[in-house]
Amino acid sequence: LDRNHDGNVSRAEFEAAMAQGQQQGSYAAPTTYAAPSYTTGAPTVTYGAPQGVTYGAPTMTYGAAAPAQYSYASPPTYAAPTTTYAAPATYAAPATYAAPTTYAAPSTYA
């Protein structure tokens, strides 16, 4: 902004700087894109007699279900939780402090 480096921006220097920001810039030519190309053709389809299919009932085997196996054991035993008690806390006697110090009035000078 300060063209003559005198430490002040004059009105002419300011207007020149503002006019410089309004100038039209140069731009490159716009990019041109080509249309995409498509290649199509008829799909290849082959027709023929269907493969051999065999129909029949599925083979099933039936029988009695195996009996369920159960095992019974004695019920678990539970013990009462262990509780430990301690003696109550002891505290020291509160501290005692000396009486506050009093001061004599300052002497006056005549």
PDB file of N, CA and C in Angstrom:
ATOM      1  N   LEU A   1       0.814  -1.192   0.000  1.00  0.00           N
ATOM      2  CA  LEU A   1       0.000   0.000   0.000  1.00  0.00           C
ATOM      3  C   LEU A   1       0.863   1.263   0.000  1.00  0.00           C
ATOM      4  N   ASP A   2       1.798   1.322   0.886  1.00  0.00           N
ATOM      5  CA  ASP A   2       2.630   2.518   1.012  1.00  0.00           C
ATOM      6  C   ASP A   2       3.723   2.470  -0.055  1.00  0.00           C
ATOM      7  N   ARG A   3       3.474   3.111  -1.200  1.00  0.00           N
ATOM      8  CA  ARG A   3       4.387   3.013  -2.344  1.00  0.00           C
ATOM      9  C   ARG A   3       5.703   3.770  -2.113  1.00  0.00           C
ATOM     10  N   ASN A   4       5.622   4.924  -1.471  1.00  0.00           N
ATOM     11  CA  ASN A   4       6.843   5.725  -1.305  1.00  0.00           C
ATOM     12  C   ASN A   4       7.524   5.473   0.036  1.00  0.00           C
ATOM     13  N   HIS A   5       7.005   4.547   0.839  1.00  0.00           N
ATOM     14  CA  HIS A   5       7.611   4.120   2.106  1.00  0.00           C
ATOM     15  C   HIS A   5       7.856   5.284   3.076  1.00  0.00           C
ATOM     16  N   ASP A   6       6.915   6.205   3.111  1.00  0.00           N
ATOM     17  CA  ASP A   6       7.050   7.307   4.061  1.00  0.00           C
ATOM     18  C   ASP A   6       6.353   7.020   5.388  1.00  0.00           C
ATOM     19  N   GLY A   7       5.735   5.873   5.526  1.00  0.00           N
ATOM     20  CA  GLY A   7       5.062   5.502   6.764  1.00  0.00           C
ATOM     21  C   GLY A   7       3.598   5.883   6.790  1.00  0.00           C
ATOM     22  N   ASN A   8       3.131   6.590   5.794  1.00  0.00           N
ATOM     23  CA  ASN A   8       1.729   6.991   5.710  1.00  0.00           C
ATOM     24  C   ASN A   8       1.165   6.525   4.381  1.00  0.00           C
ATOM     25  N   VAL A   9      -0.106   6.147   4.401  1.00  0.00           N
ATOM     26  CA  VAL A   9      -0.776   5.766   3.162  1.00  0.00           C
ATOM     27  C   VAL A   9      -1.610   6.959   2.735  1.00  0.00           C
ATOM     28  N   SER A  10      -1.229   7.548   1.633  1.00  0.00           N
ATOM     29  CA  SER A  10      -1.964   8.714   1.146  1.00  0.00           C
ATOM     30  C   SER A  10      -3.243   8.253   0.458  1.00  0.00           C
ATOM     31  N   ARG A  11      -4.123   9.212   0.191  1.00  0.00           N
ATOM     32  CA  ARG A  11      -5.378   8.907  -0.482  1.00  0.00           C
ATOM     33  C   ARG A  11      -5.110   8.300  -1.858  1.00  0.00           C
ATOM     34  N   ALA A  12      -4.142   8.827  -2.574  1.00  0.00           N
ATOM     35  CA  ALA A  12      -3.826   8.318  -3.915  1.00  0.00           C
ATOM     36  C   ALA A  12      -3.288   6.886  -3.814  1.00  0.00           C
ATOM     37  N   GLU A  13      -2.454   6.588  -2.811  1.00  0.00           N
ATOM     38  CA  GLU A  13      -1.934   5.228  -2.649  1.00  0.00           C
ATOM     39  C   GLU A  13      -3.062   4.254  -2.306  1.00  0.00           C
ATOM     40  N   PHE A  14      -3.979   4.705  -1.459  1.00  0.00           N
ATOM     41  CA  PHE A  14      -5.110   3.854  -1.081  1.00  0.00           C
ATOM     42  C   PHE A  14      -6.005   3.571  -2.281  1.00  0.00           C
ATOM     43  N   GLU A  15      -6.337   4.631  -3.058  1.00  0.00           N
ATOM     44  CA  GLU A  15      -7.195   4.450  -4.234  1.00  0.00           C
ATOM     45  C   GLU A  15      -6.524   3.565  -5.271  1.00  0.00           C
ATOM     46  N   ALA A  16      -5.217   3.677  -5.420  1.00  0.00           N
ATOM     47  CA  ALA A  16      -4.498   2.832  -6.370  1.00  0.00           C
ATOM     48  C   ALA A  16      -4.551   1.375  -5.933  1.00  0.00           C
ATOM     49  N   ALA A  17      -4.432   1.151  -4.629  1.00  0.00           N
ATOM     50  CA  ALA A  17      -4.495  -0.225  -4.121  1.00  0.00           C
ATOM     51  C   ALA A  17      -5.890  -0.810  -4.302  1.00  0.00           C
ATOM     52  N   MET A  18      -6.933   0.008  -4.082  1.00  0.00           N
ATOM     53  CA  MET A  18      -8.304  -0.478  -4.246  1.00  0.00           C
ATOM     54  C   MET A  18      -8.623  -0.731  -5.714  1.00  0.00           C
ATOM     55  N   ALA A  19      -8.137   0.107  -6.599  1.00  0.00           N
ATOM     56  CA  ALA A  19      -8.370  -0.074  -8.026  1.00  0.00           C
ATOM     57  C   ALA A  19      -7.646  -1.317  -8.528  1.00  0.00           C
ATOM     58  N   GLN A  20      -6.503  -1.619  -7.944  1.00  0.00           N
ATOM     59  CA  GLN A  20      -5.748  -2.794  -8.355  1.00  0.00           C
ATOM     60  C   GLN A  20      -6.524  -4.070  -8.045  1.00  0.00           C
ATOM     61  N   GLY A  21      -7.283  -4.083  -6.959  1.00  0.00           N
ATOM     62  CA  GLY A  21      -8.074  -5.255  -6.601  1.00  0.00           C
ATOM     63  C   GLY A  21      -9.280  -5.452  -7.496  1.00  0.00           C
ATOM     64  N   GLN A  22      -9.712  -4.401  -8.229  1.00  0.00           N
ATOM     65  CA  GLN A  22     -10.896  -4.507  -9.077  1.00  0.00           C
ATOM     66  C   GLN A  22     -10.555  -4.893 -10.505  1.00  0.00           C
ATOM     67  N   GLN A  23      -9.308  -5.021 -10.859  1.00  0.00           N
ATOM     68  CA  GLN A  23      -8.930  -5.366 -12.220  1.00  0.00           C
ATOM     69  C   GLN A  23      -9.359  -6.781 -12.539  1.00  0.00           C
ATOM     70  N   GLN A  24      -9.709  -6.990 -13.774  1.00  0.00           N
ATOM     71  CA  GLN A  24     -10.098  -8.317 -14.234  1.00  0.00           C
ATOM     72  C   GLN A  24      -8.849  -9.160 -14.418  1.00  0.00           C
ATOM     73  N   GLY A  25      -8.891 -10.350 -13.904  1.00  0.00           N
ATOM     74  CA  GLY A  25      -7.754 -11.250 -14.054  1.00  0.00           C
ATOM     75  C   GLY A  25      -7.853 -12.001 -15.376  1.00  0.00           C
ATOM     76  N   SER A  26      -6.792 -12.622 -15.745  1.00  0.00           N
ATOM     77  CA  SER A  26      -6.820 -13.421 -16.962  1.00  0.00           C
ATOM     78  C   SER A  26      -7.124 -14.857 -16.568  1.00  0.00           C
ATOM     79  N   TYR A  27      -7.957 -15.479 -17.343  1.00  0.00           N
ATOM     80  CA  TYR A  27      -8.374 -16.836 -17.060  1.00  0.00           C
ATOM     81  C   TYR A  27      -8.023 -17.729 -18.236  1.00  0.00           C
ATOM     82  N   ALA A  28      -7.812 -18.981 -17.957  1.00  0.00           N
ATOM     83  CA  ALA A  28      -7.524 -19.937 -19.031  1.00  0.00           C
ATOM     84  C   ALA A  28      -8.819 -20.248 -19.772  1.00  0.00           C
ATOM     85  N   ALA A  29      -8.673 -20.741 -20.965  1.00  0.00           N
ATOM     86  CA  ALA A  29      -9.842 -21.112 -21.754  1.00  0.00           C
ATOM     87  C   ALA A  29     -10.585 -22.233 -21.038  1.00  0.00           C
ATOM     88  N   PRO A  30     -11.915 -22.256 -21.148  1.00  0.00           N
ATOM     89  CA  PRO A  30     -12.671 -23.308 -20.459  1.00  0.00           C
ATOM     90  C   PRO A  30     -12.325 -24.684 -21.024  1.00  0.00           C
ATOM     91  N   THR A  31     -12.385 -25.683 -20.178  1.00  0.00           N
ATOM     92  CA  THR A  31     -12.071 -27.040 -20.584  1.00  0.00           C
ATOM     93  C   THR A  31     -13.263 -27.635 -21.327  1.00  0.00           C
ATOM     94  N   THR A  32     -12.987 -28.275 -22.437  1.00  0.00           N
ATOM     95  CA  THR A  32     -14.037 -28.901 -23.227  1.00  0.00           C
ATOM     96  C   THR A  32     -13.949 -30.403 -23.015  1.00  0.00           C
ATOM     97  N   TYR A  33     -15.086 -30.984 -22.741  1.00  0.00           N
ATOM     98  CA  TYR A  33     -15.143 -32.420 -22.504  1.00  0.00           C
ATOM     99  C   TYR A  33     -15.875 -33.085 -23.656  1.00  0.00           C
ATOM    100  N   ALA A  34     -15.410 -34.247 -24.041  1.00  0.00           N
ATOM    101  CA  ALA A  34     -16.061 -34.993 -25.117  1.00  0.00           C
ATOM    102  C   ALA A  34     -17.163 -35.855 -24.533  1.00  0.00           C
ATOM    103  N   ALA A  35     -18.159 -36.130 -25.341  1.00  0.00           N
ATOM    104  CA  ALA A  35     -19.246 -36.996 -24.892  1.00  0.00           C
ATOM    105  C   ALA A  35     -18.707 -38.414 -24.738  1.00  0.00           C
ATOM    106  N   PRO A  36     -19.179 -39.148 -23.771  1.00  0.00           N
ATOM    107  CA  PRO A  36     -18.690 -40.515 -23.603  1.00  0.00           C
ATOM    108  C   PRO A  36     -19.160 -41.403 -24.754  1.00  0.00           C
ATOM    109  N   SER A  37     -18.349 -42.383 -25.074  1.00  0.00           N
ATOM    110  CA  SER A  37     -18.716 -43.292 -26.156  1.00  0.00           C
ATOM    111  C   SER A  37     -19.217 -44.595 -25.560  1.00  0.00           C
ATOM    112  N   TYR A  38     -20.228 -45.155 -26.187  1.00  0.00           N
ATOM    113  CA  TYR A  38     -20.816 -46.407 -25.729  1.00  0.00           C
ATOM    114  C   TYR A  38     -20.753 -47.428 -26.851  1.00  0.00           C
ATOM    115  N   THR A  39     -20.462 -48.647 -26.491  1.00  0.00           N
ATOM    116  CA  THR A  39     -20.472 -49.738 -27.456  1.00  0.00           C
ATOM    117  C   THR A  39     -21.504 -50.737 -26.982  1.00  0.00           C
ATOM    118  N   THR A  40     -22.464 -51.006 -27.814  1.00  0.00           N
ATOM    119  CA  THR A  40     -23.505 -51.953 -27.432  1.00  0.00           C
ATOM    120  C   THR A  40     -23.556 -53.074 -28.448  1.00  0.00           C
ATOM    121  N   GLY A  41     -24.019 -54.176 -28.013  1.00  0.00           N
ATOM    122  CA  GLY A  41     -24.184 -55.319 -28.887  1.00  0.00           C
ATOM    123  C   GLY A  41     -25.245 -56.223 -28.296  1.00  0.00           C
ATOM    124  N   ALA A  42     -25.763 -57.101 -29.080  1.00  0.00           N
ATOM    125  CA  ALA A  42     -26.782 -58.014 -28.588  1.00  0.00           C
ATOM    126  C   ALA A  42     -26.137 -59.019 -27.638  1.00  0.00           C
ATOM    127  N   PRO A  43     -26.794 -59.320 -26.539  1.00  0.00           N
ATOM    128  CA  PRO A  43     -26.219 -60.298 -25.631  1.00  0.00           C
ATOM    129  C   PRO A  43     -26.262 -61.696 -26.230  1.00  0.00           C
ATOM    130  N   THR A  44     -25.320 -62.513 -25.831  1.00  0.00           N
ATOM    131  CA  THR A  44     -25.260 -63.886 -26.324  1.00  0.00           C
ATOM    132  C   THR A  44     -26.148 -64.751 -25.443  1.00  0.00           C
ATOM    133  N   VAL A  45     -27.143 -65.374 -26.049  1.00  0.00           N
ATOM    134  CA  VAL A  45     -28.071 -66.228 -25.320  1.00  0.00           C
ATOM    135  C   VAL A  45     -28.109 -67.573 -26.018  1.00  0.00           C
ATOM    136  N   THR A  46     -27.995 -68.639 -25.237  1.00  0.00           N
ATOM    137  CA  THR A  46     -28.060 -69.987 -25.806  1.00  0.00           C
ATOM    138  C   THR A  46     -29.274 -70.688 -25.229  1.00  0.00           C
ATOM    139  N   TYR A  47     -30.098 -71.234 -26.104  1.00  0.00           N
ATOM    140  CA  TYR A  47     -31.281 -71.965 -25.668  1.00  0.00           C
ATOM    141  C   TYR A  47     -31.082 -73.437 -25.979  1.00  0.00           C
ATOM    142  N   GLY A  48     -31.601 -74.272 -25.137  1.00  0.00           N
ATOM    143  CA  GLY A  48     -31.489 -75.700 -25.354  1.00  0.00           C
ATOM    144  C   GLY A  48     -32.461 -76.431 -24.447  1.00  0.00           C
ATOM    145  N   ALA A  49     -32.451 -77.724 -24.537  1.00  0.00           N
ATOM    146  CA  ALA A  49     -33.329 -78.525 -23.690  1.00  0.00           C
ATOM    147  C   ALA A  49     -32.857 -78.413 -22.247  1.00  0.00           C
ATOM    148  N   PRO A  50     -33.783 -78.429 -21.293  1.00  0.00           N
ATOM    149  CA  PRO A  50     -33.380 -78.337 -19.899  1.00  0.00           C
ATOM    150  C   PRO A  50     -32.618 -79.582 -19.455  1.00  0.00           C
ATOM    151  N   GLN A  51     -31.808 -79.409 -18.461  1.00  0.00           N
ATOM    152  CA  GLN A  51     -31.055 -80.526 -17.916  1.00  0.00           C
ATOM    153  C   GLN A  51     -32.027 -81.508 -17.278  1.00  0.00           C
ATOM    154  N   GLY A  52     -31.601 -82.724 -17.132  1.00  0.00           N
ATOM    155  CA  GLY A  52     -32.467 -83.751 -16.558  1.00  0.00           C
ATOM    156  C   GLY A  52     -32.789 -83.448 -15.099  1.00  0.00           C
ATOM    157  N   VAL A  53     -34.062 -83.592 -14.744  1.00  0.00           N
ATOM    158  CA  VAL A  53     -34.514 -83.344 -13.391  1.00  0.00           C
ATOM    159  C   VAL A  53     -35.131 -84.627 -12.872  1.00  0.00           C
ATOM    160  N   THR A  54     -34.760 -85.009 -11.659  1.00  0.00           N
ATOM    161  CA  THR A  54     -35.313 -86.219 -11.055  1.00  0.00           C
ATOM    162  C   THR A  54     -36.178 -85.804  -9.884  1.00  0.00           C
ATOM    163  N   TYR A  55     -37.408 -86.345  -9.858  1.00  0.00           N
ATOM    164  CA  TYR A  55     -38.318 -86.047  -8.765  1.00  0.00           C
ATOM    165  C   TYR A  55     -38.494 -87.294  -7.931  1.00  0.00           C
ATOM    166  N   GLY A  56     -38.612 -87.116  -6.656  1.00  0.00           N
ATOM    167  CA  GLY A  56     -38.845 -88.241  -5.766  1.00  0.00           C
ATOM    168  C   GLY A  56     -38.962 -87.739  -4.343  1.00  0.00           C
ATOM    169  N   ALA A  57     -39.496 -88.555  -3.497  1.00  0.00           N
ATOM    170  CA  ALA A  57     -39.634 -88.179  -2.098  1.00  0.00           C
ATOM    171  C   ALA A  57     -38.275 -88.259  -1.425  1.00  0.00           C
ATOM    172  N   PRO A  58     -37.976 -87.363  -0.513  1.00  0.00           N
ATOM    173  CA  PRO A  58     -36.692 -87.423   0.175  1.00  0.00           C
ATOM    174  C   PRO A  58     -36.657 -88.608   1.129  1.00  0.00           C
ATOM    175  N   THR A  59     -35.477 -89.098   1.385  1.00  0.00           N
ATOM    176  CA  THR A  59     -35.309 -90.224   2.298  1.00  0.00           C
ATOM    177  C   THR A  59     -35.356 -89.696   3.719  1.00  0.00           C
ATOM    178  N   MET A  60     -36.262 -90.259   4.521  1.00  0.00           N
ATOM    179  CA  MET A  60     -36.422 -89.819   5.907  1.00  0.00           C
ATOM    180  C   MET A  60     -36.236 -91.022   6.814  1.00  0.00           C
ATOM    181  N   THR A  61     -35.627 -90.815   7.966  1.00  0.00           N
ATOM    182  CA  THR A  61     -35.467 -91.871   8.954  1.00  0.00           C
ATOM    183  C   THR A  61     -36.114 -91.392  10.243  1.00  0.00           C
ATOM    184  N   TYR A  62     -36.991 -92.242  10.797  1.00  0.00           N
ATOM    185  CA  TYR A  62     -37.684 -91.892  12.026  1.00  0.00           C
ATOM    186  C   TYR A  62     -37.273 -92.854  13.118  1.00  0.00           C
ATOM    187  N   GLY A  63     -37.271 -92.368  14.321  1.00  0.00           N
ATOM    188  CA  GLY A  63     -36.949 -93.215  15.453  1.00  0.00           C
ATOM    189  C   GLY A  63     -37.304 -92.480  16.728  1.00  0.00           C
ATOM    190  N   ALA A  64     -37.266 -93.185  17.817  1.00  0.00           N
ATOM    191  CA  ALA A  64     -37.573 -92.568  19.099  1.00  0.00           C
ATOM    192  C   ALA A  64     -36.407 -91.667  19.503  1.00  0.00           C
ATOM    193  N   ALA A  65     -36.746 -90.592  20.126  1.00  0.00           N
ATOM    194  CA  ALA A  65     -35.719 -89.665  20.576  1.00  0.00           C
ATOM    195  C   ALA A  65     -34.968 -90.270  21.753  1.00  0.00           C
ATOM    196  N   ALA A  66     -33.705 -89.979  21.867  1.00  0.00           N
ATOM    197  CA  ALA A  66     -32.901 -90.486  22.969  1.00  0.00           C
ATOM    198  C   ALA A  66     -33.380 -89.823  24.258  1.00  0.00           C
ATOM    199  N   PRO A  67     -33.443 -90.586  25.338  1.00  0.00           N
ATOM    200  CA  PRO A  67     -33.895 -89.983  26.589  1.00  0.00           C
ATOM    201  C   PRO A  67     -32.889 -88.937  27.075  1.00  0.00           C
ATOM    202  N   ALA A  68     -33.411 -87.908  27.683  1.00  0.00           N
ATOM    203  CA  ALA A  68     -32.561 -86.849  28.196  1.00  0.00           C
ATOM    204  C   ALA A  68     -31.818 -87.337  29.431  1.00  0.00           C
ATOM    205  N   GLN A  69     -30.585 -86.934  29.563  1.00  0.00           N
ATOM    206  CA  GLN A  69     -29.757 -87.332  30.693  1.00  0.00           C
ATOM    207  C   GLN A  69     -29.710 -86.176  31.691  1.00  0.00           C
ATOM    208  N   TYR A  70     -30.123 -86.465  32.925  1.00  0.00           N
ATOM    209  CA  TYR A  70     -30.099 -85.447  33.974  1.00  0.00           C
ATOM    210  C   TYR A  70     -29.203 -85.931  35.098  1.00  0.00           C
ATOM    211  N   SER A  71     -28.503 -84.990  35.702  1.00  0.00           N
ATOM    212  CA  SER A  71     -27.639 -85.324  36.824  1.00  0.00           C
ATOM    213  C   SER A  71     -27.984 -84.379  37.959  1.00  0.00           C
ATOM    214  N   TYR A  72     -28.330 -84.960  39.111  1.00  0.00           N
ATOM    215  CA  TYR A  72     -28.672 -84.140  40.268  1.00  0.00           C
ATOM    216  C   TYR A  72     -27.576 -84.278  41.311  1.00  0.00           C
ATOM    217  N   ALA A  73     -27.169 -83.166  41.834  1.00  0.00           N
ATOM    218  CA  ALA A  73     -26.145 -83.159  42.874  1.00  0.00           C
ATOM    219  C   ALA A  73     -26.714 -82.432  44.083  1.00  0.00           C
ATOM    220  N   SER A  74     -26.030 -82.523  45.186  1.00  0.00           N
ATOM    221  CA  SER A  74     -26.511 -81.829  46.375  1.00  0.00           C
ATOM    222  C   SER A  74     -26.433 -80.327  46.125  1.00  0.00           C
ATOM    223  N   PRO A  75     -27.345 -79.560  46.722  1.00  0.00           N
ATOM    224  CA  PRO A  75     -27.341 -78.112  46.475  1.00  0.00           C
ATOM    225  C   PRO A  75     -26.084 -77.474  47.054  1.00  0.00           C
ATOM    226  N   PRO A  76     -25.654 -76.399  46.514  1.00  0.00           N
ATOM    227  CA  PRO A  76     -24.433 -75.753  47.010  1.00  0.00           C
ATOM    228  C   PRO A  76     -24.682 -75.173  48.402  1.00  0.00           C
ATOM    229  N   THR A  77     -23.636 -75.085  49.171  1.00  0.00           N
ATOM    230  CA  THR A  77     -23.736 -74.501  50.498  1.00  0.00           C
ATOM    231  C   THR A  77     -23.071 -73.136  50.477  1.00  0.00           C
ATOM    232  N   TYR A  78     -23.638 -72.245  51.254  1.00  0.00           N
ATOM    233  CA  TYR A  78     -23.130 -70.885  51.285  1.00  0.00           C
ATOM    234  C   TYR A  78     -22.704 -70.561  52.704  1.00  0.00           C
ATOM    235  N   ALA A  79     -21.595 -69.869  52.847  1.00  0.00           N
ATOM    236  CA  ALA A  79     -21.096 -69.469  54.160  1.00  0.00           C
ATOM    237  C   ALA A  79     -21.424 -68.007  54.393  1.00  0.00           C
ATOM    238  N   ALA A  80     -21.594 -67.643  55.643  1.00  0.00           N
ATOM    239  CA  ALA A  80     -21.847 -66.245  55.978  1.00  0.00           C
ATOM    240  C   ALA A  80     -20.594 -65.428  55.669  1.00  0.00           C
ATOM    241  N   PRO A  81     -20.760 -64.195  55.236  1.00  0.00           N
ATOM    242  CA  PRO A  81     -19.578 -63.381  54.930  1.00  0.00           C
ATOM    243  C   PRO A  81     -18.779 -63.087  56.204  1.00  0.00           C
ATOM    244  N   THR A  82     -17.481 -62.968  56.058  1.00  0.00           N
ATOM    245  CA  THR A  82     -16.595 -62.685  57.180  1.00  0.00           C
ATOM    246  C   THR A  82     -16.611 -61.191  57.455  1.00  0.00           C
ATOM    247  N   THR A  83     -16.888 -60.826  58.699  1.00  0.00           N
ATOM    248  CA  THR A  83     -16.921 -59.418  59.086  1.00  0.00           C
ATOM    249  C   THR A  83     -15.879 -59.203  60.162  1.00  0.00           C
ATOM    250  N   THR A  84     -15.063 -58.177  59.996  1.00  0.00           N
ATOM    251  CA  THR A  84     -14.020 -57.871  60.964  1.00  0.00           C
ATOM    252  C   THR A  84     -14.289 -56.487  61.531  1.00  0.00           C
ATOM    253  N   TYR A  85     -14.258 -56.390  62.836  1.00  0.00           N
ATOM    254  CA  TYR A  85     -14.480 -55.107  63.502  1.00  0.00           C
ATOM    255  C   TYR A  85     -13.174 -54.663  64.132  1.00  0.00           C
ATOM    256  N   ALA A  86     -12.932 -53.368  64.152  1.00  0.00           N
ATOM    257  CA  ALA A  86     -11.717 -52.811  64.747  1.00  0.00           C
ATOM    258  C   ALA A  86     -12.129 -51.857  65.860  1.00  0.00           C
ATOM    259  N   ALA A  87     -11.172 -51.539  66.721  1.00  0.00           N
ATOM    260  CA  ALA A  87     -11.438 -50.592  67.804  1.00  0.00           C
ATOM    261  C   ALA A  87     -11.671 -49.215  67.206  1.00  0.00           C
ATOM    262  N   PRO A  88     -12.490 -48.391  67.863  1.00  0.00           N
ATOM    263  CA  PRO A  88     -12.736 -47.056  67.316  1.00  0.00           C
ATOM    264  C   PRO A  88     -11.456 -46.226  67.325  1.00  0.00           C
ATOM    265  N   ALA A  89     -11.388 -45.256  66.469  1.00  0.00           N
ATOM    266  CA  ALA A  89     -10.210 -44.392  66.354  1.00  0.00           C
ATOM    267  C   ALA A  89     -10.110 -43.496  67.569  1.00  0.00           C
ATOM    268  N   THR A  90      -8.884 -43.216  67.993  1.00  0.00           N
ATOM    269  CA  THR A  90      -8.669 -42.307  69.116  1.00  0.00           C
ATOM    270  C   THR A  90      -8.000 -41.056  68.583  1.00  0.00           C
ATOM    271  N   TYR A  91      -8.362 -39.945  69.201  1.00  0.00           N
ATOM    272  CA  TYR A  91      -7.840 -38.672  68.740  1.00  0.00           C
ATOM    273  C   TYR A  91      -7.122 -37.989  69.893  1.00  0.00           C
ATOM    274  N   ALA A  92      -6.146 -37.182  69.591  1.00  0.00           N
ATOM    275  CA  ALA A  92      -5.395 -36.440  70.607  1.00  0.00           C
ATOM    276  C   ALA A  92      -6.242 -35.273  71.100  1.00  0.00           C
ATOM    277  N   ALA A  93      -5.924 -34.803  72.305  1.00  0.00           N
ATOM    278  CA  ALA A  93      -6.640 -33.660  72.867  1.00  0.00           C
ATOM    279  C   ALA A  93      -6.350 -32.439  72.015  1.00  0.00           C
ATOM    280  N   PRO A  94      -7.298 -31.513  71.945  1.00  0.00           N
ATOM    281  CA  PRO A  94      -7.049 -30.324  71.126  1.00  0.00           C
ATOM    282  C   PRO A  94      -5.890 -29.508  71.688  1.00  0.00           C
ATOM    283  N   ALA A  95      -5.185 -28.847  70.836  1.00  0.00           N
ATOM    284  CA  ALA A  95      -4.021 -28.050  71.233  1.00  0.00           C
ATOM    285  C   ALA A  95      -4.478 -26.788  71.946  1.00  0.00           C
ATOM    286  N   THR A  96      -3.693 -26.347  72.905  1.00  0.00           N
ATOM    287  CA  THR A  96      -3.990 -25.095  73.604  1.00  0.00           C
ATOM    288  C   THR A  96      -2.961 -24.070  73.177  1.00  0.00           C
ATOM    289  N   TYR A  97      -3.414 -22.857  73.107  1.00  0.00           N
ATOM    290  CA  TYR A  97      -2.544 -21.788  72.644  1.00  0.00           C
ATOM    291  C   TYR A  97      -2.428 -20.737  73.733  1.00  0.00           C
ATOM    292  N   ALA A  98      -1.356 -19.973  73.681  1.00  0.00           N
ATOM    293  CA  ALA A  98      -1.141 -18.909  74.662  1.00  0.00           C
ATOM    294  C   ALA A  98      -2.112 -17.773  74.404  1.00  0.00           C
ATOM    295  N   ALA A  99      -2.335 -16.949  75.402  1.00  0.00           N
ATOM    296  CA  ALA A  99      -3.227 -15.797  75.267  1.00  0.00           C
ATOM    297  C   ALA A  99      -2.628 -14.832  74.262  1.00  0.00           C
ATOM    298  N   PRO A 100      -3.454 -14.052  73.594  1.00  0.00           N
ATOM    299  CA  PRO A 100      -2.929 -13.103  72.606  1.00  0.00           C
ATOM    300  C   PRO A 100      -2.025 -12.055  73.267  1.00  0.00           C
ATOM    301  N   THR A 101      -1.064 -11.584  72.530  1.00  0.00           N
ATOM    302  CA  THR A 101      -0.110 -10.601  73.018  1.00  0.00           C
ATOM    303  C   THR A 101      -0.717  -9.215  72.912  1.00  0.00           C
ATOM    304  N   THR A 102      -0.560  -8.425  73.956  1.00  0.00           N
ATOM    305  CA  THR A 102      -1.034  -7.039  73.896  1.00  0.00           C
ATOM    306  C   THR A 102       0.170  -6.122  73.821  1.00  0.00           C
ATOM    307  N   TYR A 103       0.010  -5.032  73.179  1.00  0.00           N
ATOM    308  CA  TYR A 103       1.099  -4.092  72.985  1.00  0.00           C
ATOM    309  C   TYR A 103       0.753  -2.774  73.663  1.00  0.00           C
ATOM    310  N   ALA A 104       1.787  -2.077  74.107  1.00  0.00           N
ATOM    311  CA  ALA A 104       1.585  -0.783  74.731  1.00  0.00           C
ATOM    312  C   ALA A 104       1.442   0.274  73.658  1.00  0.00           C
ATOM    313  N   ALA A 105       0.779   1.342  73.988  1.00  0.00           N
ATOM    314  CA  ALA A 105       0.624   2.457  73.039  1.00  0.00           C
ATOM    315  C   ALA A 105       1.972   3.075  72.766  1.00  0.00           C
ATOM    316  N   PRO A 106       2.214   3.527  71.557  1.00  0.00           N
ATOM    317  CA  PRO A 106       3.508   4.121  71.248  1.00  0.00           C
ATOM    318  C   PRO A 106       3.736   5.405  72.039  1.00  0.00           C
ATOM    319  N   SER A 107       4.961   5.671  72.335  1.00  0.00           N
ATOM    320  CA  SER A 107       5.269   6.896  73.098  1.00  0.00           C
ATOM    321  C   SER A 107       5.134   8.097  72.168  1.00  0.00           C
ATOM    322  N   THR A 108       4.766   9.202  72.766  1.00  0.00           N
ATOM    323  CA  THR A 108       4.613  10.433  71.979  1.00  0.00           C
ATOM    324  C   THR A 108       5.831  11.313  72.176  1.00  0.00           C
ATOM    325  N   TYR A 109       6.197  12.034  71.203  1.00  0.00           N
ATOM    326  CA  TYR A 109       7.367  12.907  71.271  1.00  0.00           C
ATOM    327  C   TYR A 109       6.891  14.358  71.343  1.00  0.00           C
ATOM    328  N   ALA A 110       7.536  15.064  72.209  1.00  0.00           N
ATOM    329  CA  ALA A 110       7.139  16.460  72.371  1.00  0.00           C
ATOM    330  C   ALA A 110       8.053  17.405  71.651  1.00  0.00           C
TER     331      ALA A 110
END
